[in-house]
Protein backbone atom coordinates (compact mmCIF):
# COMPACT_ATOMS: atom_id res chain seq x y z
CA MET A 1 -48.28 36.21 58.91
CA THR A 2 -48.69 39.25 61.12
CA TYR A 3 -51.48 39.46 63.69
CA PHE A 4 -53.27 41.92 61.36
CA PRO A 5 -55.00 40.32 58.35
CA SER A 6 -54.80 43.47 56.22
CA TYR A 7 -51.07 43.81 56.95
CA GLU A 8 -50.18 40.48 55.37
CA GLY A 9 -47.73 42.10 52.93
CA ILE A 10 -45.93 44.09 55.64
CA ILE A 11 -42.66 42.42 56.58
CA SER A 12 -40.62 45.30 58.04
CA MET A 13 -40.86 48.29 60.35
CA SER A 14 -40.30 50.64 57.41
CA GLN A 15 -43.29 49.17 55.56
CA LEU A 16 -45.45 49.54 58.66
CA GLN A 17 -44.44 53.19 58.96
CA LEU A 18 -44.98 53.83 55.26
CA SER A 19 -48.46 52.30 55.48
CA LYS A 20 -49.41 55.12 57.89
CA TRP A 21 -46.95 57.76 56.69
CA ASP A 22 -49.09 60.72 57.74
CA LEU A 23 -48.74 59.43 61.32
CA PHE A 24 -45.15 58.17 61.35
CA GLU A 25 -43.29 60.68 59.16
CA PRO A 26 -42.55 63.16 62.02
CA TYR A 27 -41.25 60.35 64.21
CA MET A 28 -38.93 59.09 61.50
CA GLU A 29 -37.57 62.61 61.03
CA PHE A 30 -36.86 62.59 64.77
CA ILE A 31 -35.07 59.22 64.53
CA HIS A 32 -32.91 60.55 61.71
CA ARG A 33 -31.97 63.57 63.81
CA LEU A 34 -31.31 61.40 66.87
CA MET A 35 -29.02 58.95 65.10
CA ASN A 36 -27.07 61.79 63.48
CA TYR A 37 -27.05 64.12 66.49
CA GLU A 38 -23.60 65.52 67.25
CA ALA A 39 -23.77 65.06 71.02
CA GLY A 40 -23.68 61.73 72.77
CA PRO A 41 -22.31 58.44 71.49
CA SER A 42 -21.00 58.25 67.93
CA GLN A 43 -23.13 56.99 65.04
CA GLU A 44 -21.52 53.56 65.42
CA GLU A 45 -22.12 53.54 69.17
CA LYS A 46 -25.76 54.57 68.74
CA GLU A 47 -26.27 51.68 66.32
CA ILE A 48 -24.63 49.31 68.83
CA ILE A 49 -27.08 50.52 71.49
CA ALA A 50 -30.04 50.05 69.10
CA ALA A 51 -28.98 46.52 68.16
CA TYR A 52 -28.09 45.57 71.74
CA CYS A 53 -31.41 46.71 73.21
CA SER A 54 -33.22 44.84 70.42
CA LEU A 55 -31.27 41.67 71.21
CA LEU A 56 -32.15 42.00 74.90
CA ASN A 57 -35.81 42.29 73.88
CA ALA A 58 -35.52 39.23 71.59
CA CYS A 59 -36.71 41.31 68.63
CA ASP A 60 -35.10 39.44 65.74
CA PHE A 61 -36.12 42.04 63.17
CA CYS A 62 -34.67 45.10 64.90
CA PHE A 63 -31.60 43.23 66.12
CA GLY A 64 -30.89 41.76 62.70
CA ALA A 65 -31.41 45.07 60.93
CA HIS A 66 -29.23 47.16 63.22
CA LYS A 67 -26.61 44.46 63.67
CA ASN A 68 -26.19 44.66 59.90
CA VAL A 69 -25.92 48.45 60.02
CA CYS A 70 -23.26 48.04 62.73
CA MET A 71 -21.39 45.57 60.51
CA ALA A 72 -21.54 48.09 57.64
CA LEU A 73 -19.88 50.54 60.04
CA GLY A 74 -17.12 48.01 60.82
CA VAL A 75 -18.43 46.37 64.00
CA ASP A 76 -17.72 42.66 64.50
CA GLU A 77 -20.91 40.58 64.43
CA ASP A 78 -19.69 38.56 67.43
CA LEU A 79 -19.70 41.63 69.67
CA PHE A 80 -23.35 41.31 70.61
CA GLY A 81 -23.18 37.80 72.01
CA ARG A 82 -20.19 38.89 74.06
CA LEU A 83 -22.14 41.89 75.39
CA VAL A 84 -24.98 39.63 76.52
CA ASP A 85 -22.51 37.32 78.29
CA ASP A 86 -20.42 39.99 80.01
CA ILE A 87 -20.15 43.67 79.14
CA ASP A 88 -16.92 44.03 81.16
CA THR A 89 -14.99 41.54 79.00
CA ALA A 90 -16.65 42.36 75.67
CA PRO A 91 -14.38 43.84 72.94
CA VAL A 92 -15.81 47.35 73.05
CA ASP A 93 -14.35 50.70 74.13
CA ASP A 94 -14.15 50.85 77.93
CA LYS A 95 -15.78 54.28 77.88
CA LEU A 96 -18.91 52.80 76.27
CA LYS A 97 -19.31 49.97 78.80
CA PRO A 98 -21.11 51.97 81.54
CA ILE A 99 -23.50 53.31 78.89
CA LEU A 100 -24.25 49.75 77.75
CA LYS A 101 -24.80 48.69 81.37
CA TYR A 102 -27.14 51.66 81.77
CA VAL A 103 -29.25 50.84 78.70
CA ARG A 104 -29.36 47.14 79.60
CA LYS A 105 -30.73 47.94 83.04
CA LEU A 106 -33.13 50.52 81.58
CA THR A 107 -34.40 47.90 79.11
CA GLU A 108 -34.71 44.97 81.49
CA THR A 109 -35.47 46.54 84.89
CA PRO A 110 -36.31 50.24 84.38
CA ASP A 111 -37.75 50.60 87.87
CA ARG A 112 -34.34 49.82 89.38
CA MET A 113 -32.41 52.73 87.84
CA THR A 114 -30.38 54.73 90.38
CA GLU A 115 -28.33 57.91 90.53
CA GLU A 116 -25.23 55.72 90.84
CA ASP A 117 -25.92 54.25 87.40
CA ALA A 118 -25.71 57.76 85.94
CA LYS A 119 -22.60 58.59 87.97
CA ASP A 120 -20.83 55.55 86.51
CA CYS A 121 -21.38 57.09 83.06
CA TYR A 122 -20.16 60.52 84.20
CA ARG A 123 -17.00 58.96 85.68
CA ALA A 124 -16.28 57.42 82.28
CA GLY A 125 -16.34 60.89 80.72
CA TRP A 126 -19.91 61.18 79.42
CA SER A 127 -21.84 64.43 79.94
CA GLU A 128 -25.46 64.72 81.02
CA GLU A 129 -26.40 65.54 77.42
CA ASP A 130 -24.51 62.48 76.19
CA LEU A 131 -26.42 60.25 78.60
CA THR A 132 -29.73 61.80 77.56
CA ILE A 133 -28.97 60.88 73.94
CA ALA A 134 -28.05 57.30 74.92
CA ILE A 135 -31.28 56.99 76.95
CA THR A 136 -33.26 58.33 73.98
CA VAL A 137 -31.74 55.76 71.61
CA CYS A 138 -32.48 53.00 74.12
CA SER A 139 -36.06 54.20 74.63
CA SER A 140 -36.66 54.59 70.90
CA TRP A 141 -35.57 51.05 70.12
CA ASN A 142 -37.59 49.64 72.98
CA TRP A 143 -40.54 51.34 71.25
CA PHE A 144 -39.55 49.93 67.85
CA ASN A 145 -39.17 46.44 69.36
CA ARG A 146 -42.66 46.57 70.84
CA MET A 147 -44.16 47.88 67.60
CA ILE A 148 -42.60 44.99 65.66
CA LEU A 149 -43.38 42.28 68.21
CA GLY A 150 -46.86 43.65 68.92
CA HIS A 151 -47.79 43.50 65.22
CA GLY A 152 -46.21 40.08 64.71
CA ILE A 153 -43.96 41.42 61.94
CA ASP A 154 -40.90 39.86 63.58
CA LYS A 155 -42.12 36.43 62.46
CA LYS A 156 -41.66 37.41 58.79
CA TRP A 157 -38.15 38.86 59.15
CA ASP A 158 -35.66 37.78 56.46
CA GLU A 159 -32.15 39.07 57.13
CA GLU A 160 -30.88 37.98 53.71
CA VAL A 161 -33.53 40.05 51.91
CA PHE A 162 -32.64 43.04 54.11
CA ARG A 163 -28.98 42.77 53.08
CA ASP A 164 -29.69 42.02 49.42
CA ARG A 165 -31.60 45.25 48.94
CA GLY A 166 -28.68 47.20 50.37
CA ALA A 167 -30.59 48.47 53.41
CA PRO A 168 -27.61 48.48 55.85
CA GLU A 169 -25.50 50.72 53.60
CA LYS A 170 -28.46 53.00 52.89
CA MET A 171 -29.24 53.36 56.60
CA LYS A 172 -25.59 54.02 57.36
CA ALA A 173 -25.73 56.93 54.90
CA GLY A 174 -28.69 58.48 56.73
CA TYR A 175 -32.20 57.49 57.72
CA ASN A 176 -33.81 60.35 55.78
CA LYS A 177 -32.30 59.21 52.50
CA TYR A 178 -33.42 55.64 53.19
CA TYR A 179 -37.05 56.68 53.75
CA ASP A 180 -37.08 59.33 51.01
CA GLU A 181 -36.17 56.64 48.49
CA MET A 182 -39.17 54.52 49.51
CA VAL A 183 -41.52 57.51 49.55
CA ALA A 184 -40.32 58.46 46.06
CA ALA A 185 -41.11 54.91 44.93
CA GLY A 186 -44.73 55.47 45.96
CA MET A 187 -44.63 53.19 49.00
CA ALA A 188 -45.95 55.78 51.48
CA ASP A 189 -49.70 55.82 52.11
CA THR A 190 -51.64 58.66 53.70
CA SER A 191 -55.06 57.61 52.39
CA GLY A 192 -55.77 54.49 54.44
CA PRO A 193 -58.93 54.12 56.57
CA LYS A 194 -58.79 55.87 59.93
CA HIS A 195 -61.78 54.07 61.48
CA ALA A 196 -61.76 50.64 59.86
CA ALA A 197 -64.15 47.96 61.07
CA PRO A 198 -62.71 45.09 63.18
CA PRO A 199 -61.58 42.12 61.07
CA GLN A 200 -63.66 38.96 60.99
CA VAL A 201 -62.21 36.29 63.32
């Protein structure tokens, strides 16, 4: 179960967002724009960053979900274990490696970021705008990871169910379409209590 008695039926980040859609809808529009933004890493590379940061945070839900989106985009599932072991020898484009080093450090030891970390990315051919987009993806999935782990939803994650309902392919096609489909199915709630009493414990 989650840590929230009234959220017992919530088993994914999308369901959590839909349960408070009046609050989360603007943020999900932002995420759609971010992951489809023309500048910065490609769509595939952004998904790699999202999955990688989630793996570093031990968030099984977000890692499993975005690993599957990466696989739908043609990424080898084994890449992520290789990235954890050694980014330099991992089978990923050399240009992306300094970005992955940057987001790993930003995820694990954010207080140790230096100007040299950014310069390594510039030397690889990334612009300041590109790096801003990569940082934003990293920061967004650190937020998602903490939302999932903080609510205890990660404990109910079922990767097979996620795949069976075609979520990776739908997310690959665009986050807006993925959420619009659920909203159209009546899953979004804007009428929930805003000042509910604490649960009995």
